[in-house]
Structures are given as C-alpha cells and as structure tokens.
Amino acid sequence: MSLSLEWVIGVLGAGMLAATTIWFNVQQLNKNVSELTIAVTSGNTAYNVINGKMTLLEWRIDVQERQLKAVKEKADK
C-alpha cells in the first residue's frame, strides 16, 4: 500500500493546522486564567476589607447597645 504525496502533504497540513489552532487556544486560555486569577485576588482583598469593616461596625454597635442598656437601667432605678 503506498500513499501518494498529495495525501501525505494534506494529512500533515491538516495536522499542523490543528496543532496551531490548539496552540493559540491554549495561549488564550492561559491569558484568560491569568486575568481571572487577578480578578479573584482583587475580589478576595475587597471582601477581606469589607469583612473587617463590618466586624468593626458590629463591635461598635454592640458597645453602643451595652451603653444604651446601662443608661436605661440607670434611669429605671
């Protein structure tokens, strides 16, 4: 069984085209993953900042509620 030169060139060309397409798709995927990693890191940082501020606000509200309760108890006496 012998293959003609046209078939060999055609198969090799199709293989090279497929390999090139895969290569560029992988490169784009790497770029997208890098951008997503940056976005997730920024989101985590923002979440941590907001969470810290929320904890501080909860603590301040708790202090104010205790002070208000103490003032009410003092006024009731």
Protein backbone atom coordinates (compact mmCIF):
# COMPACT_ATOMS: atom_id res chain seq x y z
CA MET A 1 0.00 0.00 0.00
CA SER A 2 1.51 3.29 -1.00
CA LEU A 3 0.34 6.77 -0.15
CA SER A 4 0.50 9.49 -2.70
CA LEU A 5 2.44 12.63 -1.92
CA GLU A 6 -0.74 14.71 -2.06
CA TRP A 7 -2.34 12.66 0.74
CA VAL A 8 0.76 12.86 2.93
CA ILE A 9 1.02 16.63 2.44
CA GLY A 10 -2.73 17.03 3.05
CA VAL A 11 -2.68 15.00 6.27
CA LEU A 12 0.45 16.75 7.53
CA GLY A 13 -1.04 20.14 6.66
CA ALA A 14 -4.28 19.34 8.48
CA GLY A 15 -2.30 18.10 11.48
CA MET A 16 -0.18 21.25 11.54
CA LEU A 17 -3.30 23.42 11.25
CA ALA A 18 -4.93 21.54 14.13
CA ALA A 19 -1.77 21.83 16.25
CA THR A 20 -1.51 25.57 15.52
CA THR A 21 -5.18 26.11 16.41
CA ILE A 22 -4.76 24.20 19.67
CA TRP A 23 -1.60 26.18 20.47
CA PHE A 24 -3.32 29.53 20.08
CA ASN A 25 -6.39 28.36 22.01
CA VAL A 26 -4.17 27.25 24.90
CA GLN A 27 -2.37 30.60 24.84
CA GLN A 28 -5.71 32.46 25.03
CA LEU A 29 -6.84 30.15 27.84
CA ASN A 30 -3.64 30.92 29.77
CA LYS A 31 -4.27 34.64 29.34
CA ASN A 32 -7.89 34.28 30.50
CA VAL A 33 -6.86 32.25 33.55
CA SER A 34 -4.25 34.86 34.47
CA GLU A 35 -6.82 37.66 34.22
CA LEU A 36 -9.31 35.63 36.25
CA THR A 37 -6.69 34.98 38.93
CA ILE A 38 -6.04 38.72 39.21
CA ALA A 39 -9.79 39.43 39.41
CA VAL A 40 -10.33 36.79 42.09
CA THR A 41 -7.39 38.08 44.11
CA SER A 42 -8.78 41.62 43.92
CA GLY A 43 -12.21 40.34 44.91
CA ASN A 44 -10.78 38.47 47.89
CA THR A 45 -8.93 41.57 49.02
CA ALA A 46 -12.07 43.69 48.73
CA TYR A 47 -14.05 41.05 50.62
CA ASN A 48 -11.49 40.97 53.43
CA VAL A 49 -11.56 44.77 53.73
CA ILE A 50 -15.36 44.84 53.80
CA ASN A 51 -15.46 41.98 56.27
CA GLY A 52 -13.03 43.81 58.57
CA LYS A 53 -15.10 47.00 58.41
CA MET A 54 -18.28 45.06 59.07
CA THR A 55 -16.74 43.39 62.12
CA LEU A 56 -15.65 46.78 63.44
CA LEU A 57 -19.14 48.21 62.89
CA GLU A 58 -20.73 45.22 64.65
CA TRP A 59 -18.41 45.74 67.60
CA ARG A 60 -19.25 49.47 67.74
CA ILE A 61 -22.98 48.71 67.62
CA ASP A 62 -22.55 46.18 70.40
CA VAL A 63 -20.72 48.76 72.54
CA GLN A 64 -23.43 51.35 71.87
CA GLU A 65 -26.19 48.86 72.73
CA ARG A 66 -24.47 47.99 76.03
CA GLN A 67 -24.08 51.68 76.85
CA LEU A 68 -27.73 52.33 75.99
CA LYS A 69 -28.82 49.39 78.13
CA ALA A 70 -26.72 50.69 81.03
CA VAL A 71 -28.26 54.17 80.68
CA LYS A 72 -31.79 52.70 80.61
CA GLU A 73 -31.08 50.58 83.68
CA LYS A 74 -29.67 53.63 85.47
CA ALA A 75 -32.75 55.67 84.52
CA ASP A 76 -35.11 52.95 85.75
CA LYS A 77 -33.56 52.99 89.26
